[in-house]
Every structure is written in C-alpha cells, then in structure tokens.
N, C-alpha and C. Protein backbone atom coordinates (compact mmCIF):
# COMPACT_ATOMS: atom_id res chain seq x y z
N MET A 1 25.90 4.59 3.95
CA MET A 1 25.47 3.46 2.52
C MET A 1 24.03 4.83 2.19
N SER A 2 23.77 5.64 3.44
CA SER A 2 22.64 6.47 3.09
C SER A 2 21.58 6.14 2.20
N GLY A 3 21.24 5.20 3.26
CA GLY A 3 19.07 4.33 2.66
C GLY A 3 19.44 4.23 1.51
N GLY A 4 18.41 4.13 0.55
CA GLY A 4 17.96 3.54 -0.21
C GLY A 4 17.66 1.77 -0.18
N ALA A 5 17.09 1.57 0.64
CA ALA A 5 16.27 0.41 0.30
C ALA A 5 14.91 0.47 0.26
N PHE A 6 14.84 1.59 0.27
CA PHE A 6 13.19 1.71 -0.52
C PHE A 6 12.96 2.41 -1.82
N ASP A 7 14.61 2.72 -1.93
CA ASP A 7 15.52 3.24 -3.44
C ASP A 7 14.04 4.54 -3.52
N HIS A 8 14.11 5.60 -2.20
CA HIS A 8 13.96 6.76 -2.03
C HIS A 8 12.29 6.74 -2.50
N ARG A 9 11.97 5.87 -2.77
CA ARG A 9 10.31 6.01 -3.00
C ARG A 9 9.05 6.41 -1.83
N GLN A 10 9.79 7.21 -0.31
CA GLN A 10 9.02 7.17 0.28
C GLN A 10 9.31 8.82 0.12
N TYR A 11 9.63 9.58 -0.55
CA TYR A 11 9.57 11.27 -1.17
C TYR A 11 8.73 11.39 -1.99
N LEU A 12 7.91 10.34 -2.18
CA LEU A 12 6.57 10.55 -2.66
C LEU A 12 5.37 10.97 -2.03
N LEU A 13 5.98 10.60 -0.45
CA LEU A 13 5.34 10.79 0.66
C LEU A 13 4.65 12.43 1.15
N GLU A 14 6.10 13.05 0.05
CA GLU A 14 6.78 14.44 0.85
C GLU A 14 5.98 14.74 -0.33
N GLU A 15 5.87 14.64 -1.63
CA GLU A 15 5.82 15.17 -2.87
C GLU A 15 4.03 15.09 -2.78
N TRP A 16 3.37 13.99 -2.65
CA TRP A 16 2.16 14.17 -2.10
C TRP A 16 1.49 15.10 -1.59
N ALA A 17 2.30 14.59 -0.08
CA ALA A 17 2.37 15.95 1.04
C ALA A 17 1.84 17.56 0.74
N ARG A 18 2.77 17.91 -0.29
CA ARG A 18 2.75 19.07 -0.71
C ARG A 18 1.45 19.60 -1.58
N GLN A 19 1.26 18.38 -2.63
CA GLN A 19 0.25 19.04 -3.14
C GLN A 19 -0.76 19.04 -2.66
N ILE A 20 -1.18 18.10 -1.10
CA ILE A 20 -2.49 18.30 -1.09
C ILE A 20 -2.59 19.65 0.41
N GLU A 21 -1.74 19.76 0.54
CA GLU A 21 -1.44 20.54 1.95
C GLU A 21 -2.28 22.11 2.03
N PRO A 22 -2.52 22.21 0.53
CA PRO A 22 -3.22 23.61 0.61
C PRO A 22 -4.91 23.16 1.13
N GLU A 23 -5.55 22.19 0.77
CA GLU A 23 -6.74 21.38 0.89
C GLU A 23 -6.41 20.86 2.17
N ASN A 24 -5.40 20.20 2.47
CA ASN A 24 -6.26 19.10 3.73
C ASN A 24 -4.55 19.46 4.71
N PRO A 25 -4.44 20.52 5.07
CA PRO A 25 -2.95 20.65 6.03
C PRO A 25 -2.99 19.61 6.99
N LEU A 26 -3.36 19.07 7.69
CA LEU A 26 -3.75 18.21 8.73
C LEU A 26 -2.90 16.98 8.37
N LEU A 27 -4.13 16.16 6.92
CA LEU A 27 -3.11 15.51 6.24
C LEU A 27 -1.89 15.29 5.70
N ALA A 28 -1.61 16.74 5.56
CA ALA A 28 -0.23 16.26 4.38
C ALA A 28 0.86 16.78 5.90
N LYS A 29 0.38 17.11 7.32
CA LYS A 29 1.13 16.94 8.43
C LYS A 29 1.52 15.40 8.54
N GLN A 30 0.63 15.15 8.57
CA GLN A 30 0.88 13.64 8.91
C GLN A 30 1.50 12.44 8.02
N MET A 31 1.15 12.59 6.25
CA MET A 31 1.84 12.32 5.66
C MET A 31 3.50 12.62 5.46
N TYR A 32 4.06 14.10 5.99
CA TYR A 32 5.39 14.49 5.87
C TYR A 32 6.13 14.03 6.79
N ASP A 33 5.26 13.81 8.31
CA ASP A 33 5.35 12.40 8.97
C ASP A 33 5.51 11.44 8.96
N LEU A 34 5.24 10.50 8.77
CA LEU A 34 5.29 8.91 8.42
C LEU A 34 6.34 9.28 7.07
N HIS A 35 6.87 9.71 6.27
CA HIS A 35 7.98 9.95 5.29
C HIS A 35 9.41 10.11 6.12
N LYS A 36 9.23 11.23 7.27
CA LYS A 36 9.98 10.71 8.14
C LYS A 36 10.60 9.63 9.00
N LEU A 37 9.31 8.79 9.19
CA LEU A 37 9.96 7.85 9.76
C LEU A 37 9.90 7.07 9.11
N LEU A 38 9.29 6.50 7.83
CA LEU A 38 10.09 5.56 6.93
C LEU A 38 11.47 6.07 6.05
N ASN A 39 11.60 7.16 6.38
CA ASN A 39 13.19 7.47 6.05
C ASN A 39 14.29 7.08 6.77
N ARG A 40 13.81 7.15 7.77
CA ARG A 40 14.59 6.56 9.31
C ARG A 40 14.59 5.01 9.29
N TYR A 41 12.83 4.69 8.60
CA TYR A 41 13.04 2.84 8.26
C TYR A 41 14.58 2.42 7.72
N ASP A 42 14.69 3.36 6.68
CA ASP A 42 15.18 3.12 4.98
C ASP A 42 16.85 3.37 5.47
N TYR A 43 17.15 4.22 6.01
CA TYR A 43 18.61 4.41 7.03
C TYR A 43 18.44 3.21 7.93
N TYR A 44 17.47 2.56 8.44
CA TYR A 44 18.19 1.12 9.38
C TYR A 44 18.69 -0.15 8.83
N LEU A 45 17.24 -0.21 7.36
CA LEU A 45 17.33 -0.63 6.81
C LEU A 45 19.37 -0.83 6.30
N SER A 46 19.60 -0.15 5.62
CA SER A 46 20.18 -0.02 4.89
C SER A 46 21.60 -0.37 5.80
N GLY A 47 21.18 0.11 6.86
CA GLY A 47 22.90 -0.51 8.12
C GLY A 47 23.18 1.01 8.68
N ASP A 48 22.05 2.16 8.11
CA ASP A 48 23.17 3.32 8.47
C ASP A 48 22.86 3.47 9.83
N THR A 49 21.95 3.36 10.86
CA THR A 49 22.07 3.61 12.09
C THR A 49 21.14 1.92 12.72
N GLY A 50 21.08 2.52 14.09
CA GLY A 50 20.73 1.25 14.85
C GLY A 50 19.34 1.27 15.13
N GLU A 51 18.99 0.52 15.80
CA GLU A 51 17.77 -0.05 16.00
C GLU A 51 16.79 0.75 16.68
N GLU A 52 17.55 1.27 18.29
CA GLU A 52 17.28 2.34 18.73
C GLU A 52 16.56 3.46 18.18
N ASN A 53 17.23 3.76 16.86
CA ASN A 53 16.72 5.18 16.18
C ASN A 53 15.25 5.03 15.84
N ILE A 54 15.49 4.00 15.33
CA ILE A 54 14.28 3.29 14.41
C ILE A 54 13.05 3.11 15.25
N GLU A 55 13.30 2.59 17.05
CA GLU A 55 12.33 2.77 17.63
C GLU A 55 12.15 4.10 18.02
N LYS A 56 12.74 4.66 18.80
CA LYS A 56 12.56 6.11 18.70
C LYS A 56 11.47 6.87 17.82
N ALA A 57 11.76 6.89 16.56
CA ALA A 57 10.52 7.90 15.67
C ALA A 57 9.39 6.87 15.34
N TRP A 58 9.66 6.01 15.75
CA TRP A 58 8.30 4.52 15.60
C TRP A 58 7.68 5.77 16.41
N VAL A 59 8.09 5.71 17.95
CA VAL A 59 7.50 5.99 19.23
C VAL A 59 7.42 7.63 19.19
N LYS A 60 8.18 8.10 18.15
CA LYS A 60 7.56 9.79 18.23
C LYS A 60 6.33 9.80 16.79
N TYR A 61 6.07 8.67 16.61
CA TYR A 61 4.84 9.34 15.29
C TYR A 61 3.43 8.82 15.96
N ARG A 62 4.13 6.81 16.73
CA ARG A 62 3.24 6.90 17.48
C ARG A 62 2.34 7.67 18.31
N ASP A 63 3.29 8.08 19.52
CA ASP A 63 2.30 9.25 20.26
C ASP A 63 1.93 10.68 19.51
N LYS A 64 2.22 10.55 18.60
CA LYS A 64 1.66 11.80 17.79
C LYS A 64 0.24 12.01 17.02
N TRP A 65 0.04 10.16 16.22
CA TRP A 65 -0.75 9.77 15.30
C TRP A 65 -1.74 9.27 15.59
N ILE A 66 -0.92 7.96 16.71
CA ILE A 66 -2.00 6.54 16.90
C ILE A 66 -1.60 6.88 18.89
N GLU A 67 -3.14 6.74 18.41
CA GLU A 67 -3.58 6.32 20.17
C GLU A 67 -3.44 5.26 20.37
N MET A 68 -2.96 4.43 21.62
CA MET A 68 -2.70 2.62 21.85
C MET A 68 -2.20 3.16 22.92
N ASP A 69 -3.33 1.76 23.67
CA ASP A 69 -2.46 2.22 24.91
C ASP A 69 -1.70 1.14 25.44
N THR A 70 -1.91 -0.03 25.18
CA THR A 70 -0.88 -1.43 25.27
C THR A 70 0.14 -1.45 24.95
N ALA A 71 1.08 -1.98 25.52
CA ALA A 71 2.44 -2.76 25.03
C ALA A 71 2.21 -3.80 23.34
N SER A 72 1.00 -4.90 23.96
CA SER A 72 0.89 -5.40 23.01
C SER A 72 0.37 -5.40 21.61
N ILE A 73 -0.64 -4.26 21.84
CA ILE A 73 -0.86 -3.86 20.43
C ILE A 73 -0.09 -2.79 19.75
N GLU A 74 0.59 -2.28 19.86
CA GLU A 74 2.03 -2.02 19.72
C GLU A 74 3.05 -2.80 18.65
N GLU A 75 3.36 -3.53 19.47
CA GLU A 75 4.26 -4.77 18.97
C GLU A 75 3.85 -5.81 17.66
N VAL A 76 2.44 -5.52 18.28
CA VAL A 76 1.86 -6.08 16.74
C VAL A 76 1.50 -5.77 15.67
N MET A 77 1.55 -4.00 15.83
CA MET A 77 1.30 -3.28 14.67
C MET A 77 2.64 -3.21 14.17
N PHE A 78 3.48 -2.96 15.01
CA PHE A 78 5.13 -2.78 14.53
C PHE A 78 5.19 -4.13 13.77
N GLU A 79 4.84 -5.13 14.11
CA GLU A 79 5.07 -6.88 13.78
C GLU A 79 4.58 -6.47 12.02
N LYS A 80 3.53 -6.26 12.26
CA LYS A 80 2.86 -6.01 10.49
C LYS A 80 3.09 -5.35 9.94
N CYS A 81 3.98 -4.21 10.57
CA CYS A 81 3.80 -3.00 9.23
C CYS A 81 5.19 -3.70 8.74
N LEU A 82 6.16 -4.18 10.40
CA LEU A 82 7.60 -4.86 9.35
C LEU A 82 7.48 -5.65 8.52
N GLU A 83 6.39 -6.64 8.29
CA GLU A 83 6.43 -7.80 7.81
C GLU A 83 5.93 -7.01 6.09
N MET A 84 4.82 -6.25 6.32
CA MET A 84 4.46 -5.42 5.16
C MET A 84 5.58 -5.16 4.24
N VAL A 85 6.27 -4.03 4.64
CA VAL A 85 7.47 -3.10 4.49
C VAL A 85 8.58 -4.60 3.93
N GLN A 86 9.14 -5.53 4.49
CA GLN A 86 10.14 -6.53 3.97
C GLN A 86 9.18 -7.25 2.67
N SER A 87 7.87 -7.53 2.75
CA SER A 87 7.43 -8.00 1.51
C SER A 87 7.70 -7.00 0.52
N MET A 88 7.25 -5.80 1.06
CA MET A 88 7.53 -4.64 -0.85
C MET A 88 8.76 -4.63 -0.66
N ILE A 89 9.72 -4.80 0.23
CA ILE A 89 11.46 -4.73 -0.60
C ILE A 89 11.79 -5.85 -1.16
N ASN A 90 11.71 -7.11 -0.41
CA ASN A 90 12.10 -8.11 -1.36
C ASN A 90 11.07 -8.53 -2.67
N GLY A 91 9.76 -7.70 -2.76
CA GLY A 91 8.92 -7.74 -4.28
C GLY A 91 9.46 -6.77 -4.99
N TYR A 92 10.25 -5.72 -4.61
CA TYR A 92 10.46 -4.64 -6.01
C TYR A 92 12.14 -5.91 -5.86
N ARG A 93 12.92 -6.19 -5.25
CA ARG A 93 14.67 -5.84 -5.21
C ARG A 93 13.94 -7.83 -6.52
N LYS A 94 13.13 -8.30 -5.98
CA LYS A 94 12.37 -9.56 -7.18
C LYS A 94 11.78 -8.84 -8.82
N GLY A 95 11.69 -7.77 -8.73
CA GLY A 95 11.28 -7.03 -9.61
C GLY A 95 9.32 -7.22 -9.96
N ASP A 96 9.11 -7.82 -8.68
CA ASP A 96 7.39 -7.64 -9.05
C ASP A 96 6.60 -6.40 -8.28
N ALA A 97 7.74 -5.24 -8.12
CA ALA A 97 7.15 -4.19 -7.73
C ALA A 97 7.06 -3.22 -8.64
N GLU A 98 6.28 -2.40 -8.91
CA GLU A 98 5.50 -1.40 -9.68
C GLU A 98 6.75 -0.11 -9.57
C-alpha cells in the first residue's frame, strides 16, 4: 500500500522544517525526525510494515528527543499518542478533519 493512512499529511512537517531551518536548526531537526517517525507509523497503519518497525522508530525518536526513565511513562505516552492519532484518522475518514 505504501502508506497513505495519513493521506501523506506528515510531509507538511518536512516542508515546515525546511522553512524554519535557517532560523532554528534544532527545531527543524526535531521536526524532520518527527516526520520520519510519523512516516513509519503511516506505513504501519497501512499494513506495509510490522509493529516491530514502529516500535524501533519510536525508541529511536524517544531516545534522541525525549528523556524518560520508566517503562510505564513510555507506555502511557505511546498509548495516548496512538489514541490521538487514531482519533485524527477517524475524523479525517468521516470528513471532520480540515
């Protein structure tokens, strides 16, 4: 399927990162990395890759940008993120998203 669950909206992050890179290169780098994470998640939701790949991508992003010490915090944050993303996707499918 090659992704598509997000209707390729995650590419907006990449575009915005390019625009702010001259002014704030660190934020731009984080946005590029978030784009990569969302792109991996898009492939996972579309059935193009397995759960282990999104878990690896999440760990890579988390270890670079988020300091967390306990597994319980990680689990809660990932679950909340998953719920939020799923809600956005459902809203988009229903035509509620902009």
